[in-house]
Amino acid sequence: MNVLVVEDNKAVSLIICRIIEELGHQYVLAADGEAALRLYHQRDIDLLILDVELPILDGFTVARDVRNGNPHIPILFISGNNSEACFQQCLDAGGDTLMPKPLRPSELRTWLNSRLASHHDSVPASPAAG
């Protein structure tokens, strides 16, 4: 699976990317919303991890653009803002949930495992014979 990680904080992105690798998946890293959309449209991405506050385009804008073309891709928002209003904005933009910073690696692993496993189960292994 290919995960697009959109995070402008290098320490946070390093933690996320290490966990993705530990789980046996690949990642593509973007430090701003504009680069994220460019990478998303150029590559085969299975899941997004999006910071809410990003340079150039915020995470909400990125999520809406992605969601317009792919209503089923899992989107995890991460933010230092853990308010109910921020959580609602994440859902309204098309996110599946909001995980607060500082990230808990065990919580991130659990979420990724469940989303990547369910995504893998929903993708047919081979075309159906007709």
C-alpha atoms as a PDB file:
ATOM      1  CA  MET A   1       0.000   0.000   0.000  1.00  0.00           C
ATOM      2  CA  ASN A   2       1.088   3.569  -0.690  1.00  0.00           C
ATOM      3  CA  VAL A   3       0.498   6.187   1.990  1.00  0.00           C
ATOM      4  CA  LEU A   4       0.748   9.910   1.304  1.00  0.00           C
ATOM      5  CA  VAL A   5       2.047  11.626   4.435  1.00  0.00           C
ATOM      6  CA  VAL A   6       1.458  15.386   4.437  1.00  0.00           C
ATOM      7  CA  GLU A   7       3.241  16.957   7.396  1.00  0.00           C
ATOM      8  CA  ASP A   8       5.502  20.007   7.585  1.00  0.00           C
ATOM      9  CA  ASN A   9       7.096  19.038  10.924  1.00  0.00           C
ATOM     10  CA  LYS A  10      10.093  16.808  10.172  1.00  0.00           C
ATOM     11  CA  ALA A  11      10.091  15.070  13.562  1.00  0.00           C
ATOM     12  CA  VAL A  12       6.408  14.144  13.260  1.00  0.00           C
ATOM     13  CA  SER A  13       6.758  13.006   9.654  1.00  0.00           C
ATOM     14  CA  LEU A  14       9.740  10.832  10.609  1.00  0.00           C
ATOM     15  CA  ILE A  15       7.677   9.029  13.265  1.00  0.00           C
ATOM     16  CA  ILE A  16       4.787   8.457  10.852  1.00  0.00           C
ATOM     17  CA  CYS A  17       7.025   7.234   8.029  1.00  0.00           C
ATOM     18  CA  ARG A  18       8.882   4.807  10.299  1.00  0.00           C
ATOM     19  CA  ILE A  19       5.608   3.280  11.446  1.00  0.00           C
ATOM     20  CA  ILE A  20       4.409   2.910   7.841  1.00  0.00           C
ATOM     21  CA  GLU A  21       7.669   1.142   6.945  1.00  0.00           C
ATOM     22  CA  GLU A  22       7.441  -1.101  10.033  1.00  0.00           C
ATOM     23  CA  LEU A  23       4.006  -2.182   8.833  1.00  0.00           C
ATOM     24  CA  GLY A  24       5.465  -3.128   5.448  1.00  0.00           C
ATOM     25  CA  HIS A  25       4.013  -0.302   3.374  1.00  0.00           C
ATOM     26  CA  GLN A  26       5.488   2.534   1.296  1.00  0.00           C
ATOM     27  CA  TYR A  27       5.075   6.241   1.843  1.00  0.00           C
ATOM     28  CA  VAL A  28       5.375   9.433  -0.138  1.00  0.00           C
ATOM     29  CA  LEU A  29       6.088  12.569   1.860  1.00  0.00           C
ATOM     30  CA  ALA A  30       4.895  16.122   1.189  1.00  0.00           C
ATOM     31  CA  ALA A  31       5.593  19.152   3.367  1.00  0.00           C
ATOM     32  CA  ASP A  32       2.804  21.383   2.036  1.00  0.00           C
ATOM     33  CA  GLY A  33      -0.685  21.069   0.611  1.00  0.00           C
ATOM     34  CA  GLU A  34       0.228  22.015  -2.939  1.00  0.00           C
ATOM     35  CA  ALA A  35       2.946  19.344  -3.147  1.00  0.00           C
ATOM     36  CA  ALA A  36       0.517  16.863  -1.602  1.00  0.00           C
ATOM     37  CA  LEU A  37      -2.057  17.356  -4.342  1.00  0.00           C
ATOM     38  CA  ARG A  38       0.588  17.153  -7.036  1.00  0.00           C
ATOM     39  CA  LEU A  39       1.902  13.850  -5.614  1.00  0.00           C
ATOM     40  CA  TYR A  40      -1.596  12.491  -5.095  1.00  0.00           C
ATOM     41  CA  HIS A  41      -2.504  13.091  -8.733  1.00  0.00           C
ATOM     42  CA  GLN A  42       0.816  11.667 -10.007  1.00  0.00           C
ATOM     43  CA  ARG A  43       0.944   8.488  -7.943  1.00  0.00           C
ATOM     44  CA  ASP A  44      -1.208   5.568  -6.898  1.00  0.00           C
ATOM     45  CA  ILE A  45      -2.103   6.504  -3.303  1.00  0.00           C
ATOM     46  CA  ASP A  46      -4.144   4.210  -1.022  1.00  0.00           C
ATOM     47  CA  LEU A  47      -4.363   6.316   2.152  1.00  0.00           C
ATOM     48  CA  LEU A  48      -3.657   9.886   3.297  1.00  0.00           C
ATOM     49  CA  ILE A  49      -2.313  11.190   6.574  1.00  0.00           C
ATOM     50  CA  LEU A  50      -2.877  14.951   6.566  1.00  0.00           C
ATOM     51  CA  ASP A  51      -1.817  17.645   8.966  1.00  0.00           C
ATOM     52  CA  VAL A  52      -4.550  20.256   9.327  1.00  0.00           C
ATOM     53  CA  GLU A  53      -2.239  23.286   9.291  1.00  0.00           C
ATOM     54  CA  LEU A  54       0.032  23.204   6.254  1.00  0.00           C
ATOM     55  CA  PRO A  55       1.862  25.784   4.169  1.00  0.00           C
ATOM     56  CA  ILE A  56       0.278  26.941   0.871  1.00  0.00           C
ATOM     57  CA  LEU A  57      -2.929  24.804   1.060  1.00  0.00           C
ATOM     58  CA  ASP A  58      -4.336  23.554   4.354  1.00  0.00           C
ATOM     59  CA  GLY A  59      -5.272  19.945   5.013  1.00  0.00           C
ATOM     60  CA  PHE A  60      -8.996  20.638   4.609  1.00  0.00           C
ATOM     61  CA  THR A  61      -8.463  21.911   1.052  1.00  0.00           C
ATOM     62  CA  VAL A  62      -6.332  18.882   0.186  1.00  0.00           C
ATOM     63  CA  ALA A  63      -8.901  16.468   1.629  1.00  0.00           C
ATOM     64  CA  ARG A  64     -11.792  18.058  -0.282  1.00  0.00           C
ATOM     65  CA  ASP A  65      -9.890  17.838  -3.562  1.00  0.00           C
ATOM     66  CA  VAL A  66      -8.958  14.195  -2.978  1.00  0.00           C
ATOM     67  CA  ARG A  67     -12.459  13.314  -1.784  1.00  0.00           C
ATOM     68  CA  ASN A  68     -14.020  14.811  -4.935  1.00  0.00           C
ATOM     69  CA  GLY A  69     -12.192  12.237  -7.040  1.00  0.00           C
ATOM     70  CA  ASN A  70     -12.079   9.327  -4.594  1.00  0.00           C
ATOM     71  CA  PRO A  71     -14.889   9.031  -2.040  1.00  0.00           C
ATOM     72  CA  HIS A  72     -13.466   5.841  -0.499  1.00  0.00           C
ATOM     73  CA  ILE A  73      -9.813   6.607   0.217  1.00  0.00           C
ATOM     74  CA  PRO A  74      -9.067   6.649   3.971  1.00  0.00           C
ATOM     75  CA  ILE A  75      -8.013  10.072   5.250  1.00  0.00           C
ATOM     76  CA  LEU A  76      -6.528  10.553   8.713  1.00  0.00           C
ATOM     77  CA  PHE A  77      -6.174  14.130   9.920  1.00  0.00           C
ATOM     78  CA  ILE A  78      -3.569  14.968  12.542  1.00  0.00           C
ATOM     79  CA  SER A  79      -3.481  18.207  14.495  1.00  0.00           C
ATOM     80  CA  GLY A  80      -2.377  19.859  17.690  1.00  0.00           C
ATOM     81  CA  ASN A  81      -5.913  21.280  17.829  1.00  0.00           C
ATOM     82  CA  ASN A  82      -8.035  18.597  19.463  1.00  0.00           C
ATOM     83  CA  SER A  83     -11.204  20.688  19.793  1.00  0.00           C
ATOM     84  CA  GLU A  84     -14.645  19.438  18.826  1.00  0.00           C
ATOM     85  CA  ALA A  85     -14.828  22.220  16.213  1.00  0.00           C
ATOM     86  CA  CYS A  86     -11.594  21.038  14.555  1.00  0.00           C
ATOM     87  CA  PHE A  87     -12.811  17.441  14.627  1.00  0.00           C
ATOM     88  CA  GLN A  88     -16.035  18.510  12.901  1.00  0.00           C
ATOM     89  CA  GLN A  89     -14.099  20.487  10.271  1.00  0.00           C
ATOM     90  CA  CYS A  90     -12.036  17.355   9.556  1.00  0.00           C
ATOM     91  CA  LEU A  91     -15.183  15.286   9.055  1.00  0.00           C
ATOM     92  CA  ASP A  92     -16.794  18.001   6.920  1.00  0.00           C
ATOM     93  CA  ALA A  93     -13.704  18.081   4.680  1.00  0.00           C
ATOM     94  CA  GLY A  94     -13.974  14.331   4.122  1.00  0.00           C
ATOM     95  CA  GLY A  95     -11.638  12.964   6.769  1.00  0.00           C
ATOM     96  CA  ASP A  96     -12.321   9.711   8.562  1.00  0.00           C
ATOM     97  CA  THR A  97     -11.061  10.937  11.918  1.00  0.00           C
ATOM     98  CA  LEU A  98      -8.700  13.310  13.724  1.00  0.00           C
ATOM     99  CA  MET A  99      -5.741  12.032  15.713  1.00  0.00           C
ATOM    100  CA  PRO A 100      -4.296  14.559  18.164  1.00  0.00           C
ATOM    101  CA  LYS A 101      -0.649  15.551  18.362  1.00  0.00           C
ATOM    102  CA  PRO A 102       1.561  14.540  19.961  1.00  0.00           C
ATOM    103  CA  LEU A 103       0.876  11.290  18.120  1.00  0.00           C
ATOM    104  CA  ARG A 104       0.828   8.051  20.035  1.00  0.00           C
ATOM    105  CA  PRO A 105       2.689   5.514  17.872  1.00  0.00           C
ATOM    106  CA  SER A 106       0.575   2.590  19.137  1.00  0.00           C
ATOM    107  CA  GLU A 107      -2.645   4.431  18.285  1.00  0.00           C
ATOM    108  CA  LEU A 108      -1.356   5.317  14.819  1.00  0.00           C
ATOM    109  CA  ARG A 109      -0.261   1.699  14.196  1.00  0.00           C
ATOM    110  CA  THR A 110      -3.682   0.399  15.202  1.00  0.00           C
ATOM    111  CA  TRP A 111      -5.516   2.867  12.951  1.00  0.00           C
ATOM    112  CA  LEU A 112      -3.223   2.188   9.995  1.00  0.00           C
ATOM    113  CA  ASN A 113      -3.494  -1.576  10.419  1.00  0.00           C
ATOM    114  CA  SER A 114      -7.284  -1.456  10.443  1.00  0.00           C
ATOM    115  CA  ARG A 115      -7.542   0.876   7.436  1.00  0.00           C
ATOM    116  CA  LEU A 116      -4.874  -0.784   5.329  1.00  0.00           C
ATOM    117  CA  ALA A 117      -6.216  -4.268   6.090  1.00  0.00           C
ATOM    118  CA  SER A 118      -9.805  -3.301   5.235  1.00  0.00           C
ATOM    119  CA  HIS A 119      -8.603  -1.534   2.072  1.00  0.00           C
ATOM    120  CA  HIS A 120      -6.636  -4.634   1.079  1.00  0.00           C
ATOM    121  CA  ASP A 121      -9.691  -6.845   1.691  1.00  0.00           C
ATOM    122  CA  SER A 122     -11.902  -4.606  -0.451  1.00  0.00           C
ATOM    123  CA  VAL A 123      -9.574  -4.618  -3.467  1.00  0.00           C
ATOM    124  CA  PRO A 124     -10.102  -7.652  -5.691  1.00  0.00           C
ATOM    125  CA  ALA A 125      -7.020  -9.853  -6.052  1.00  0.00           C
ATOM    126  CA  SER A 126      -7.799 -10.523  -9.701  1.00  0.00           C
ATOM    127  CA  PRO A 127     -10.430  -9.474 -12.208  1.00  0.00           C
ATOM    128  CA  ALA A 128     -13.701 -11.387 -11.960  1.00  0.00           C
ATOM    129  CA  ALA A 129     -14.257 -13.886 -14.720  1.00  0.00           C
ATOM    130  CA  GLY A 130     -17.352 -13.169 -16.744  1.00  0.00           C
END
